[in-house]
Amino acid sequence: MIRSFKNSASAKVYEGEKPRRFAGLDFDLARARLDYLDSIGELSDIPALKSFNLHGLKGDRKGQWAISVNGPWRICFKWLDGEAHEVEIVDYH
């Protein structure tokens, strides 16, 4: 379940809007990934498919997880007690 978003623009994508700051983002796929993230109870519920590319982050994002959307776009989040916190859509470049 998604418990919180890190910024309002990412929350707007979840709500079906298309903020300009996400130029090049596949909004339909991002929304589907966010819906999926909201529906799971364990990280292991995320398919081990290359298209999802679930991976733990390092450096200043240590403790966060990411799944791929398209191109350089990722959904990053913290996973705590079966819930996604501080969910954000980021261009990793």
C-alpha atoms as a PDB file:
ATOM      1  CA  MET A   1       0.000   0.000   0.000  1.00  0.00           C
ATOM      2  CA  ILE A   2       1.226   3.499  -0.765  1.00  0.00           C
ATOM      3  CA  ARG A   3       1.273   5.416   2.498  1.00  0.00           C
ATOM      4  CA  SER A   4       2.824   8.717   1.312  1.00  0.00           C
ATOM      5  CA  PHE A   5       4.266  10.553  -1.676  1.00  0.00           C
ATOM      6  CA  LYS A   6       7.471  12.566  -1.500  1.00  0.00           C
ATOM      7  CA  ASN A   7       6.080  15.305  -3.751  1.00  0.00           C
ATOM      8  CA  SER A   8       2.756  16.470  -5.112  1.00  0.00           C
ATOM      9  CA  ALA A   9       3.725  15.919  -8.769  1.00  0.00           C
ATOM     10  CA  SER A  10       4.178  12.176  -8.181  1.00  0.00           C
ATOM     11  CA  ALA A  11       0.845  12.041  -6.343  1.00  0.00           C
ATOM     12  CA  LYS A  12      -0.799  13.793  -9.304  1.00  0.00           C
ATOM     13  CA  VAL A  13       0.412  11.069 -11.676  1.00  0.00           C
ATOM     14  CA  TYR A  14      -1.178   8.485  -9.360  1.00  0.00           C
ATOM     15  CA  GLU A  15      -4.405  10.525  -9.507  1.00  0.00           C
ATOM     16  CA  GLY A  16      -4.329  10.488 -13.329  1.00  0.00           C
ATOM     17  CA  GLU A  17      -2.819  13.895 -14.090  1.00  0.00           C
ATOM     18  CA  LYS A  18       0.164  14.537 -16.376  1.00  0.00           C
ATOM     19  CA  PRO A  19       2.476  17.162 -14.848  1.00  0.00           C
ATOM     20  CA  ARG A  20       4.791  18.860 -17.353  1.00  0.00           C
ATOM     21  CA  ARG A  21       7.876  18.159 -15.261  1.00  0.00           C
ATOM     22  CA  PHE A  22       7.691  14.512 -16.353  1.00  0.00           C
ATOM     23  CA  ALA A  23       8.297  15.036 -20.082  1.00  0.00           C
ATOM     24  CA  GLY A  24       8.960  11.670 -21.724  1.00  0.00           C
ATOM     25  CA  LEU A  25       7.357   9.638 -18.939  1.00  0.00           C
ATOM     26  CA  ASP A  26       4.976   6.899 -20.047  1.00  0.00           C
ATOM     27  CA  PHE A  27       2.107   8.081 -17.838  1.00  0.00           C
ATOM     28  CA  ASP A  28      -0.047   5.003 -18.408  1.00  0.00           C
ATOM     29  CA  LEU A  29       2.770   2.671 -17.403  1.00  0.00           C
ATOM     30  CA  ALA A  30       3.730   4.866 -14.429  1.00  0.00           C
ATOM     31  CA  ARG A  31       0.131   4.858 -13.205  1.00  0.00           C
ATOM     32  CA  ALA A  32      -0.073   1.078 -13.639  1.00  0.00           C
ATOM     33  CA  ARG A  33       3.154   0.644 -11.647  1.00  0.00           C
ATOM     34  CA  LEU A  34       1.879   2.959  -8.914  1.00  0.00           C
ATOM     35  CA  ASP A  35      -1.433   1.063  -8.780  1.00  0.00           C
ATOM     36  CA  TYR A  36       0.496  -2.188  -8.504  1.00  0.00           C
ATOM     37  CA  LEU A  37       2.713  -0.797  -5.752  1.00  0.00           C
ATOM     38  CA  ASP A  38      -0.430   0.281  -3.898  1.00  0.00           C
ATOM     39  CA  SER A  39      -1.918  -3.221  -4.155  1.00  0.00           C
ATOM     40  CA  ILE A  40       0.949  -5.314  -2.769  1.00  0.00           C
ATOM     41  CA  GLY A  41       1.742  -6.268   0.807  1.00  0.00           C
ATOM     42  CA  GLU A  42       5.317  -7.524   0.365  1.00  0.00           C
ATOM     43  CA  LEU A  43       8.222  -6.502  -1.853  1.00  0.00           C
ATOM     44  CA  SER A  44       8.406 -10.117  -2.979  1.00  0.00           C
ATOM     45  CA  ASP A  45       5.006  -9.578  -4.657  1.00  0.00           C
ATOM     46  CA  ILE A  46       6.740  -7.448  -7.301  1.00  0.00           C
ATOM     47  CA  PRO A  47       7.473  -9.744 -10.248  1.00  0.00           C
ATOM     48  CA  ALA A  48      11.089 -10.638 -10.889  1.00  0.00           C
ATOM     49  CA  LEU A  49      10.694  -9.336 -14.429  1.00  0.00           C
ATOM     50  CA  LYS A  50      13.382  -7.262 -16.074  1.00  0.00           C
ATOM     51  CA  SER A  51      10.741  -4.676 -16.986  1.00  0.00           C
ATOM     52  CA  PHE A  52      10.105  -3.969 -13.285  1.00  0.00           C
ATOM     53  CA  ASN A  53      13.818  -4.079 -12.394  1.00  0.00           C
ATOM     54  CA  LEU A  54      13.198  -3.905  -8.643  1.00  0.00           C
ATOM     55  CA  HIS A  55      16.456  -2.981  -6.948  1.00  0.00           C
ATOM     56  CA  GLY A  56      17.777  -1.453  -3.765  1.00  0.00           C
ATOM     57  CA  LEU A  57      19.475   1.908  -4.082  1.00  0.00           C
ATOM     58  CA  LYS A  58      22.879   2.998  -2.815  1.00  0.00           C
ATOM     59  CA  GLY A  59      24.653   6.167  -1.735  1.00  0.00           C
ATOM     60  CA  ASP A  60      22.422   9.004  -0.590  1.00  0.00           C
ATOM     61  CA  ARG A  61      19.378   6.907  -1.479  1.00  0.00           C
ATOM     62  CA  LYS A  62      20.429   3.903   0.592  1.00  0.00           C
ATOM     63  CA  GLY A  63      17.368   2.333   2.210  1.00  0.00           C
ATOM     64  CA  GLN A  64      15.179   3.091  -0.794  1.00  0.00           C
ATOM     65  CA  TRP A  65      13.953   0.802  -3.558  1.00  0.00           C
ATOM     66  CA  ALA A  66      13.269   1.552  -7.206  1.00  0.00           C
ATOM     67  CA  ILE A  67      11.252   0.057 -10.036  1.00  0.00           C
ATOM     68  CA  SER A  68      11.600   1.033 -13.687  1.00  0.00           C
ATOM     69  CA  VAL A  69       8.978   2.837 -15.715  1.00  0.00           C
ATOM     70  CA  ASN A  70      10.483   3.798 -19.082  1.00  0.00           C
ATOM     71  CA  GLY A  71      13.737   5.312 -20.287  1.00  0.00           C
ATOM     72  CA  PRO A  72      15.421   7.108 -17.383  1.00  0.00           C
ATOM     73  CA  TRP A  73      12.231   7.188 -15.276  1.00  0.00           C
ATOM     74  CA  ARG A  74      12.006   5.263 -12.014  1.00  0.00           C
ATOM     75  CA  ILE A  75       9.609   5.072  -9.100  1.00  0.00           C
ATOM     76  CA  CYS A  76      11.618   5.298  -5.876  1.00  0.00           C
ATOM     77  CA  PHE A  77      10.252   4.544  -2.437  1.00  0.00           C
ATOM     78  CA  LYS A  78      11.010   3.382   1.079  1.00  0.00           C
ATOM     79  CA  TRP A  79       9.448   0.066   2.123  1.00  0.00           C
ATOM     80  CA  LEU A  80       8.458  -0.042   5.786  1.00  0.00           C
ATOM     81  CA  ASP A  81       6.177  -2.586   7.464  1.00  0.00           C
ATOM     82  CA  GLY A  82       4.511  -3.671   4.221  1.00  0.00           C
ATOM     83  CA  GLU A  83       3.877  -0.153   2.921  1.00  0.00           C
ATOM     84  CA  ALA A  84       5.514   2.196   0.428  1.00  0.00           C
ATOM     85  CA  HIS A  85       6.510   5.569   1.869  1.00  0.00           C
ATOM     86  CA  GLU A  86       7.898   8.714   0.233  1.00  0.00           C
ATOM     87  CA  VAL A  87       7.002   7.437  -3.247  1.00  0.00           C
ATOM     88  CA  GLU A  88       8.416   9.619  -6.015  1.00  0.00           C
ATOM     89  CA  ILE A  89       8.911   9.504  -9.751  1.00  0.00           C
ATOM     90  CA  VAL A  90      12.468  10.472 -10.688  1.00  0.00           C
ATOM     91  CA  ASP A  91      14.670  10.790 -13.753  1.00  0.00           C
ATOM     92  CA  TYR A  92      17.777   8.961 -12.580  1.00  0.00           C
ATOM     93  CA  HIS A  93      20.117  10.845 -14.953  1.00  0.00           C
END
